[in-house]
Each structure stands twice: as structure tokens, then as C-alpha cells.
Amino acid sequence: MSSRKITTVLMGSVQELPAFLEGLESWCIESGLEMRHARQFVLMLDELLTNVVVHGYQGHGGWIEVVVEALESMALEARIS
């Protein structure tokens, strides 16, 4: 896996998450991650982002920046702000 990074800004709605997460899963696999690990990683982010939208923003929306980096060590790093 070569070092690659993806940065996305979401508007904080549950409706936009499926398309973002589907694209992220494809990006993870293209970056060299095994499918099962990509799915586990995307599931974790789905839970996290859904909680931010539902409980943090209480369904009113708000900016969420998501940065995911595929590291040389076959690891993924995610930053949410």
C-alpha cells in the first residue's frame, strides 16, 4: 500500500453518508487494503459519523472534515474534525 490520502468535507447529514462511505470503501480497496478490513474500517466510520450527526449536531447539520490516510505499514489513519 503506498501512502495516499483522501480529504472530504461533509455537511453533517445522514443522507450523504452512504455515498461517501461507498466511495471510501472503494478507495480503501484500491489503496491495497483487504476487502474485509476495508468493510470493518468503513463500518467503524459509519458508526462514528452517524453519532456525530445524530447526537453531536442533533440532526441540524454541521461541517465534518474527514481525512483518511493509507500508510506504508498497511494501516489506515482517520482524522475527524
Protein backbone atom coordinates (compact mmCIF):
# COMPACT_ATOMS: atom_id res chain seq x y z
CA MET A 1 0.00 0.00 0.00
CA SER A 2 1.55 3.30 -0.99
CA SER A 3 0.91 6.35 1.16
CA ARG A 4 -2.29 8.00 -0.07
CA LYS A 5 -4.70 10.47 1.48
CA ILE A 6 -8.32 11.43 0.94
CA THR A 7 -9.94 14.52 2.43
CA THR A 8 -13.68 15.17 2.37
CA VAL A 9 -15.90 17.79 3.94
CA LEU A 10 -19.40 16.62 4.76
CA MET A 11 -22.37 18.84 5.62
CA GLY A 12 -23.42 16.68 8.55
CA SER A 13 -26.49 14.90 7.21
CA VAL A 14 -27.24 11.19 7.49
CA GLN A 15 -28.40 11.16 3.86
CA GLU A 16 -24.94 11.92 2.49
CA LEU A 17 -23.15 9.18 4.44
CA PRO A 18 -23.95 6.12 2.25
CA ALA A 19 -22.45 7.62 -0.92
CA PHE A 20 -19.39 8.87 0.97
CA LEU A 21 -18.84 5.54 2.72
CA GLU A 22 -19.28 3.53 -0.50
CA GLY A 23 -16.65 5.67 -2.19
CA LEU A 24 -14.37 5.37 0.83
CA GLU A 25 -14.62 1.57 0.77
CA SER A 26 -13.61 1.53 -2.89
CA TRP A 27 -10.72 3.90 -2.14
CA CYS A 28 -9.53 1.63 0.69
CA ILE A 29 -9.54 -1.42 -1.58
CA GLU A 30 -7.78 0.48 -4.38
CA SER A 31 -5.18 1.52 -1.80
CA GLY A 32 -4.40 -2.15 -1.18
CA LEU A 33 -6.48 -2.95 1.90
CA GLU A 34 -8.17 -6.36 2.01
CA MET A 35 -11.91 -6.17 1.43
CA ARG A 36 -12.85 -7.42 4.91
CA HIS A 37 -10.59 -4.84 6.56
CA ALA A 38 -11.95 -2.10 4.32
CA ARG A 39 -15.50 -3.04 5.30
CA GLN A 40 -14.62 -3.09 9.01
CA PHE A 41 -12.95 0.33 8.73
CA VAL A 42 -15.90 1.81 6.84
CA LEU A 43 -18.36 0.33 9.37
CA MET A 44 -16.40 1.98 12.19
CA LEU A 45 -16.50 5.35 10.40
CA ASP A 46 -20.20 4.90 9.62
CA GLU A 47 -20.94 4.46 13.34
CA LEU A 48 -18.73 7.38 14.32
CA LEU A 49 -20.06 9.81 11.71
CA THR A 50 -23.68 8.80 12.34
CA ASN A 51 -23.19 9.53 16.05
CA VAL A 52 -21.67 12.94 15.25
CA VAL A 53 -24.63 13.81 13.00
CA VAL A 54 -27.39 12.45 15.23
CA HIS A 55 -26.05 13.24 18.71
CA GLY A 56 -23.49 15.98 18.13
CA TYR A 57 -25.38 18.07 15.60
CA GLN A 58 -28.78 16.67 16.67
CA GLY A 59 -29.82 16.31 13.03
CA HIS A 60 -29.34 20.03 12.26
CA GLY A 61 -26.21 19.55 10.16
CA GLY A 62 -22.75 21.00 10.51
CA TRP A 63 -19.39 20.70 8.81
CA ILE A 64 -17.40 17.50 9.32
CA GLU A 65 -13.95 17.16 7.80
CA VAL A 66 -12.81 13.57 7.28
CA VAL A 67 -9.18 12.82 6.44
CA VAL A 68 -8.15 9.21 5.82
CA GLU A 69 -4.58 8.25 5.04
CA ALA A 70 -3.36 4.87 3.85
CA LEU A 71 0.04 4.43 5.48
CA GLU A 72 3.03 2.45 4.23
CA SER A 73 2.57 -0.02 7.11
CA MET A 74 -0.77 -1.29 5.65
CA ALA A 75 -2.61 0.77 8.25
CA LEU A 76 -5.28 3.42 7.86
CA GLU A 77 -5.42 6.60 9.87
CA ALA A 78 -8.61 8.66 10.13
CA ARG A 79 -8.98 12.19 11.48
CA ILE A 80 -12.41 13.70 12.05
CA SER A 81 -12.82 17.38 12.82
